Amino acid sequence: MKPSSAKNKGRLLQQWTAKKMLEYAPTLEPDDVVSTSMGAGGADVKLSPAARKIYPFQIECKSHAKIAVYDFYRQAASHGTYEPLVVIKQNQCKPLVIVDADYFFKVYNENRNSIGNT
């Protein structure tokens, strides 16, 4: 894959993420959640102070042709009808949880007042 194509895939994922964040937090304005330009330092999605109150996260977006966690996610999904959740851990690193992005934004925004982020 050409570097320009790879950068475009990453840019599209950043834009999708920003759009979903705005969709699930309708009190925010488009300028509150912005996909950064490729090669810019820092987080891939920049948040205004208003957005940071809703989403207290640093966001990094990665789009690759093949990522092994998708195999793990498919395996979790095959176990039944509940929402798939994968816990992964690399040596000397903290465990991470993988869930569907739409599911995360929906549940997070439905419950953010009860988890201390108003």
C-alpha atoms as a PDB file:
ATOM      1  CA  MET A   1       0.000   0.000   0.000  1.00  0.00           C
ATOM      2  CA  LYS A   2       1.263   3.462  -0.865  1.00  0.00           C
ATOM      3  CA  PRO A   3       1.960   5.787   2.068  1.00  0.00           C
ATOM      4  CA  SER A   4      -0.685   8.211   0.775  1.00  0.00           C
ATOM      5  CA  SER A   5      -3.315   5.443   0.824  1.00  0.00           C
ATOM      6  CA  ALA A   6      -2.306   4.407   4.332  1.00  0.00           C
ATOM      7  CA  LYS A   7      -2.544   8.016   5.537  1.00  0.00           C
ATOM      8  CA  ASN A   8      -5.979   8.348   3.935  1.00  0.00           C
ATOM      9  CA  LYS A   9      -7.222   5.239   5.790  1.00  0.00           C
ATOM     10  CA  GLY A  10      -6.001   6.747   9.057  1.00  0.00           C
ATOM     11  CA  ARG A  11      -7.548  10.127   8.261  1.00  0.00           C
ATOM     12  CA  LEU A  12     -10.921   8.511   7.492  1.00  0.00           C
ATOM     13  CA  LEU A  13     -10.860   6.647  10.829  1.00  0.00           C
ATOM     14  CA  GLN A  14     -10.045   9.870  12.706  1.00  0.00           C
ATOM     15  CA  GLN A  15     -12.920  11.655  10.955  1.00  0.00           C
ATOM     16  CA  TRP A  16     -15.293   8.756  11.690  1.00  0.00           C
ATOM     17  CA  THR A  17     -14.294   8.835  15.371  1.00  0.00           C
ATOM     18  CA  ALA A  18     -14.879  12.591  15.633  1.00  0.00           C
ATOM     19  CA  LYS A  19     -18.264  12.225  13.912  1.00  0.00           C
ATOM     20  CA  LYS A  20     -19.350   9.448  16.323  1.00  0.00           C
ATOM     21  CA  MET A  21     -18.262  11.470  19.349  1.00  0.00           C
ATOM     22  CA  LEU A  22     -20.385  14.390  18.145  1.00  0.00           C
ATOM     23  CA  GLU A  23     -23.315  12.111  17.278  1.00  0.00           C
ATOM     24  CA  TYR A  24     -23.479  10.672  20.791  1.00  0.00           C
ATOM     25  CA  ALA A  25     -22.922  14.034  22.518  1.00  0.00           C
ATOM     26  CA  PRO A  26     -25.370  16.378  20.747  1.00  0.00           C
ATOM     27  CA  THR A  27     -24.595  19.304  23.058  1.00  0.00           C
ATOM     28  CA  LEU A  28     -21.175  19.634  21.401  1.00  0.00           C
ATOM     29  CA  GLU A  29     -20.473  21.788  18.355  1.00  0.00           C
ATOM     30  CA  PRO A  30     -18.437  20.511  15.363  1.00  0.00           C
ATOM     31  CA  ASP A  31     -15.441  22.633  16.437  1.00  0.00           C
ATOM     32  CA  ASP A  32     -15.394  20.869  19.831  1.00  0.00           C
ATOM     33  CA  VAL A  33     -14.198  17.548  18.354  1.00  0.00           C
ATOM     34  CA  VAL A  34     -11.739  17.847  15.467  1.00  0.00           C
ATOM     35  CA  SER A  35      -9.728  15.290  13.537  1.00  0.00           C
ATOM     36  CA  THR A  36      -6.132  16.536  13.318  1.00  0.00           C
ATOM     37  CA  SER A  37      -4.054  16.681  10.168  1.00  0.00           C
ATOM     38  CA  MET A  38      -1.894  13.675   9.419  1.00  0.00           C
ATOM     39  CA  GLY A  39       1.574  14.038  10.907  1.00  0.00           C
ATOM     40  CA  ALA A  40       0.457  16.513  13.563  1.00  0.00           C
ATOM     41  CA  GLY A  41       1.829  15.782  17.007  1.00  0.00           C
ATOM     42  CA  GLY A  42      -0.355  14.739  19.910  1.00  0.00           C
ATOM     43  CA  ALA A  43      -3.764  13.104  19.909  1.00  0.00           C
ATOM     44  CA  ASP A  44      -5.445  12.248  16.610  1.00  0.00           C
ATOM     45  CA  VAL A  45      -8.725  13.831  17.705  1.00  0.00           C
ATOM     46  CA  LYS A  46      -8.439  17.216  19.419  1.00  0.00           C
ATOM     47  CA  LEU A  47     -11.030  18.077  22.049  1.00  0.00           C
ATOM     48  CA  SER A  48     -12.171  21.484  23.268  1.00  0.00           C
ATOM     49  CA  PRO A  49     -12.586  22.044  27.018  1.00  0.00           C
ATOM     50  CA  ALA A  50     -16.342  21.369  26.611  1.00  0.00           C
ATOM     51  CA  ALA A  51     -15.646  18.091  24.797  1.00  0.00           C
ATOM     52  CA  ARG A  52     -12.991  17.127  27.352  1.00  0.00           C
ATOM     53  CA  LYS A  53     -15.636  17.356  30.090  1.00  0.00           C
ATOM     54  CA  ILE A  54     -17.682  14.762  28.216  1.00  0.00           C
ATOM     55  CA  TYR A  55     -14.829  12.645  26.849  1.00  0.00           C
ATOM     56  CA  PRO A  56     -11.850  12.645  29.253  1.00  0.00           C
ATOM     57  CA  PHE A  57      -9.699  10.620  26.833  1.00  0.00           C
ATOM     58  CA  GLN A  58      -6.564  10.918  24.705  1.00  0.00           C
ATOM     59  CA  ILE A  59      -7.518   9.454  21.331  1.00  0.00           C
ATOM     60  CA  GLU A  60      -5.169   7.652  18.973  1.00  0.00           C
ATOM     61  CA  CYS A  61      -6.592   6.106  15.779  1.00  0.00           C
ATOM     62  CA  LYS A  62      -4.887   3.251  13.918  1.00  0.00           C
ATOM     63  CA  SER A  63      -6.193   1.678  10.713  1.00  0.00           C
ATOM     64  CA  HIS A  64      -4.285  -1.348   9.416  1.00  0.00           C
ATOM     65  CA  ALA A  65      -5.132  -4.082   6.933  1.00  0.00           C
ATOM     66  CA  LYS A  66      -4.885  -6.813   9.588  1.00  0.00           C
ATOM     67  CA  ILE A  67      -4.939  -6.509  13.364  1.00  0.00           C
ATOM     68  CA  ALA A  68      -5.055  -9.747  15.370  1.00  0.00           C
ATOM     69  CA  VAL A  69      -7.536  -8.391  17.927  1.00  0.00           C
ATOM     70  CA  TYR A  70     -10.290  -8.690  15.310  1.00  0.00           C
ATOM     71  CA  ASP A  71      -9.829 -12.470  15.364  1.00  0.00           C
ATOM     72  CA  PHE A  72     -10.196 -12.358  19.147  1.00  0.00           C
ATOM     73  CA  TYR A  73     -13.290 -10.155  18.822  1.00  0.00           C
ATOM     74  CA  ARG A  74     -14.907 -12.532  16.316  1.00  0.00           C
ATOM     75  CA  GLN A  75     -14.197 -15.399  18.712  1.00  0.00           C
ATOM     76  CA  ALA A  76     -15.841 -13.513  21.598  1.00  0.00           C
ATOM     77  CA  ALA A  77     -18.859 -12.733  19.372  1.00  0.00           C
ATOM     78  CA  SER A  78     -19.247 -16.400  18.482  1.00  0.00           C
ATOM     79  CA  HIS A  79     -19.862 -17.365  22.124  1.00  0.00           C
ATOM     80  CA  GLY A  80     -23.419 -16.042  22.320  1.00  0.00           C
ATOM     81  CA  THR A  81     -25.748 -13.082  21.977  1.00  0.00           C
ATOM     82  CA  TYR A  82     -24.248 -10.667  24.507  1.00  0.00           C
ATOM     83  CA  GLU A  83     -21.987  -7.769  23.508  1.00  0.00           C
ATOM     84  CA  PRO A  84     -18.500  -9.117  22.713  1.00  0.00           C
ATOM     85  CA  LEU A  85     -15.700  -7.847  24.942  1.00  0.00           C
ATOM     86  CA  VAL A  86     -12.031  -8.807  24.620  1.00  0.00           C
ATOM     87  CA  VAL A  87      -9.369  -8.257  27.280  1.00  0.00           C
ATOM     88  CA  ILE A  88      -5.845  -8.235  25.844  1.00  0.00           C
ATOM     89  CA  LYS A  89      -2.464  -7.904  27.518  1.00  0.00           C
ATOM     90  CA  GLN A  90       1.071  -7.609  26.230  1.00  0.00           C
ATOM     91  CA  ASN A  91       4.086  -8.384  28.433  1.00  0.00           C
ATOM     92  CA  GLN A  92       4.962  -5.515  30.784  1.00  0.00           C
ATOM     93  CA  CYS A  93       1.816  -3.607  29.747  1.00  0.00           C
ATOM     94  CA  LYS A  94      -1.553  -2.923  31.297  1.00  0.00           C
ATOM     95  CA  PRO A  95      -4.526  -4.980  30.084  1.00  0.00           C
ATOM     96  CA  LEU A  96      -6.784  -3.304  27.520  1.00  0.00           C
ATOM     97  CA  VAL A  97     -10.457  -3.876  26.764  1.00  0.00           C
ATOM     98  CA  ILE A  98     -11.765  -4.056  23.190  1.00  0.00           C
ATOM     99  CA  VAL A  99     -15.461  -3.356  22.500  1.00  0.00           C
ATOM    100  CA  ASP A 100     -17.399  -2.158  19.450  1.00  0.00           C
ATOM    101  CA  ALA A 101     -16.950   1.620  19.061  1.00  0.00           C
ATOM    102  CA  ASP A 102     -20.657   2.399  18.577  1.00  0.00           C
ATOM    103  CA  TYR A 103     -21.443   0.331  21.666  1.00  0.00           C
ATOM    104  CA  PHE A 104     -18.774   2.188  23.677  1.00  0.00           C
ATOM    105  CA  PHE A 105     -19.946   5.698  22.696  1.00  0.00           C
ATOM    106  CA  LYS A 106     -23.606   4.799  23.278  1.00  0.00           C
ATOM    107  CA  VAL A 107     -23.071   3.209  26.709  1.00  0.00           C
ATOM    108  CA  TYR A 108     -20.499   5.759  27.823  1.00  0.00           C
ATOM    109  CA  ASN A 109     -22.773   8.694  27.019  1.00  0.00           C
ATOM    110  CA  GLU A 110     -25.826   7.032  28.551  1.00  0.00           C
ATOM    111  CA  ASN A 111     -23.910   6.521  31.795  1.00  0.00           C
ATOM    112  CA  ARG A 112     -21.366   9.331  32.035  1.00  0.00           C
ATOM    113  CA  ASN A 113     -23.291  11.265  34.687  1.00  0.00           C
ATOM    114  CA  SER A 114     -23.351   8.217  36.935  1.00  0.00           C
ATOM    115  CA  ILE A 115     -19.590   7.651  36.506  1.00  0.00           C
ATOM    116  CA  GLY A 116     -18.608  11.140  37.591  1.00  0.00           C
ATOM    117  CA  ASN A 117     -18.152  12.985  34.268  1.00  0.00           C
ATOM    118  CA  THR A 118     -20.765  15.713  33.973  1.00  0.00           C
END
